[in-house]
Protein backbone atom coordinates (compact mmCIF):
# COMPACT_ATOMS: atom_id res chain seq x y z
CA UNK A 1 -17.55 -32.89 -85.58
CA UNK A 2 -13.64 -32.81 -85.83
CA UNK A 3 -11.47 -35.45 -83.80
CA UNK A 4 -9.11 -33.58 -81.32
CA UNK A 5 -5.93 -34.87 -79.84
CA UNK A 6 -7.59 -35.70 -76.85
CA UNK A 7 -10.33 -37.75 -78.88
CA UNK A 8 -7.86 -39.56 -80.50
CA UNK A 9 -5.99 -40.54 -77.20
CA UNK A 10 -9.02 -41.75 -75.70
CA UNK A 11 -9.99 -43.53 -78.51
CA UNK A 12 -6.81 -45.17 -79.15
CA UNK A 13 -6.54 -46.40 -75.73
CA UNK A 14 -9.54 -47.63 -75.58
CA UNK A 15 -9.46 -49.75 -78.65
CA UNK A 16 -6.04 -50.99 -77.67
CA UNK A 17 -7.41 -52.07 -74.40
CA UNK A 18 -9.97 -54.22 -76.29
CA UNK A 19 -7.30 -55.69 -78.08
CA UNK A 20 -4.64 -55.92 -75.69
CA UNK A 21 -4.54 -54.03 -72.65
CA UNK A 22 -0.84 -54.54 -71.97
CA UNK A 23 0.32 -52.96 -75.41
CA UNK A 24 1.64 -49.47 -75.11
CA UNK A 25 0.10 -46.63 -77.47
CA UNK A 26 2.03 -44.23 -79.20
CA UNK A 27 0.43 -41.14 -81.14
CA UNK A 28 2.24 -38.74 -83.41
CA UNK A 29 0.72 -35.97 -85.20
CA UNK A 30 1.21 -36.31 -89.21
CA UNK A 31 3.15 -33.48 -89.42
CA UNK A 32 5.60 -33.42 -86.24
CA UNK A 33 6.86 -29.85 -87.11
CA UNK A 34 3.53 -28.12 -87.28
CA UNK A 35 0.59 -30.37 -87.17
CA UNK A 36 -2.22 -27.66 -88.11
CA UNK A 37 -0.33 -25.96 -90.46
CA UNK A 38 -1.68 -27.66 -93.66
CA UNK A 39 -5.33 -28.10 -93.08
CA UNK A 40 -6.87 -30.91 -91.08
CA UNK A 41 -4.93 -32.45 -88.42
CA UNK A 42 -4.09 -36.24 -88.55
CA UNK A 43 -1.95 -38.61 -86.55
CA UNK A 44 -0.77 -41.97 -86.81
CA UNK A 45 -1.42 -44.37 -83.98
CA UNK A 46 0.85 -47.26 -83.06
CA UNK A 47 0.69 -50.36 -80.90
CA UNK A 48 2.40 -53.56 -80.86
CA UNK A 49 3.87 -53.19 -84.17
CA UNK A 50 0.99 -52.11 -85.99
CA UNK A 51 -0.35 -48.84 -86.96
CA UNK A 52 -3.19 -46.77 -88.02
CA UNK A 53 -3.65 -43.26 -89.73
CA UNK A 54 -6.59 -41.13 -88.58
CA UNK A 55 -7.88 -37.60 -89.80
CA UNK A 56 -9.69 -34.91 -87.50
CA UNK A 57 -12.55 -35.50 -90.17
CA UNK A 58 -13.44 -38.71 -88.94
CA UNK A 59 -16.31 -39.66 -86.66
CA UNK A 60 -15.40 -41.52 -83.50
CA UNK A 61 -16.94 -44.25 -84.77
CA UNK A 62 -15.23 -44.35 -87.90
CA UNK A 63 -11.64 -43.75 -86.21
CA UNK A 64 -12.68 -46.82 -83.63
CA UNK A 65 -13.73 -48.94 -86.17
CA UNK A 66 -10.37 -48.23 -88.02
CA UNK A 67 -8.24 -48.50 -84.89
CA UNK A 68 -9.71 -51.90 -84.27
CA UNK A 69 -8.96 -53.21 -87.77
CA UNK A 70 -5.83 -51.75 -87.84
CA UNK A 71 -4.27 -52.31 -84.83
CA UNK A 72 -5.91 -55.54 -84.19
CA UNK A 73 -2.82 -57.20 -86.23
CA UNK A 74 -0.93 -56.46 -83.12
CA UNK A 75 -2.87 -59.21 -81.16
CA UNK A 76 -0.91 -61.94 -80.22
């Protein structure tokens, strides 16, 4: 299963809500001009000054674990 834009948005919001629900979440495609041009899509998720890089090839569990680890640095 490949992650989609919608999957990343849902996983990012859920992870950030576990860290600090007041944080804003920003999601940017790795290639802002054409995110699907060079193979598998990828995204940079940012919240509270921290960021996490996800690829479509990750499972939802892998992406969630990475988001929590990377974005957990944003917690006060």
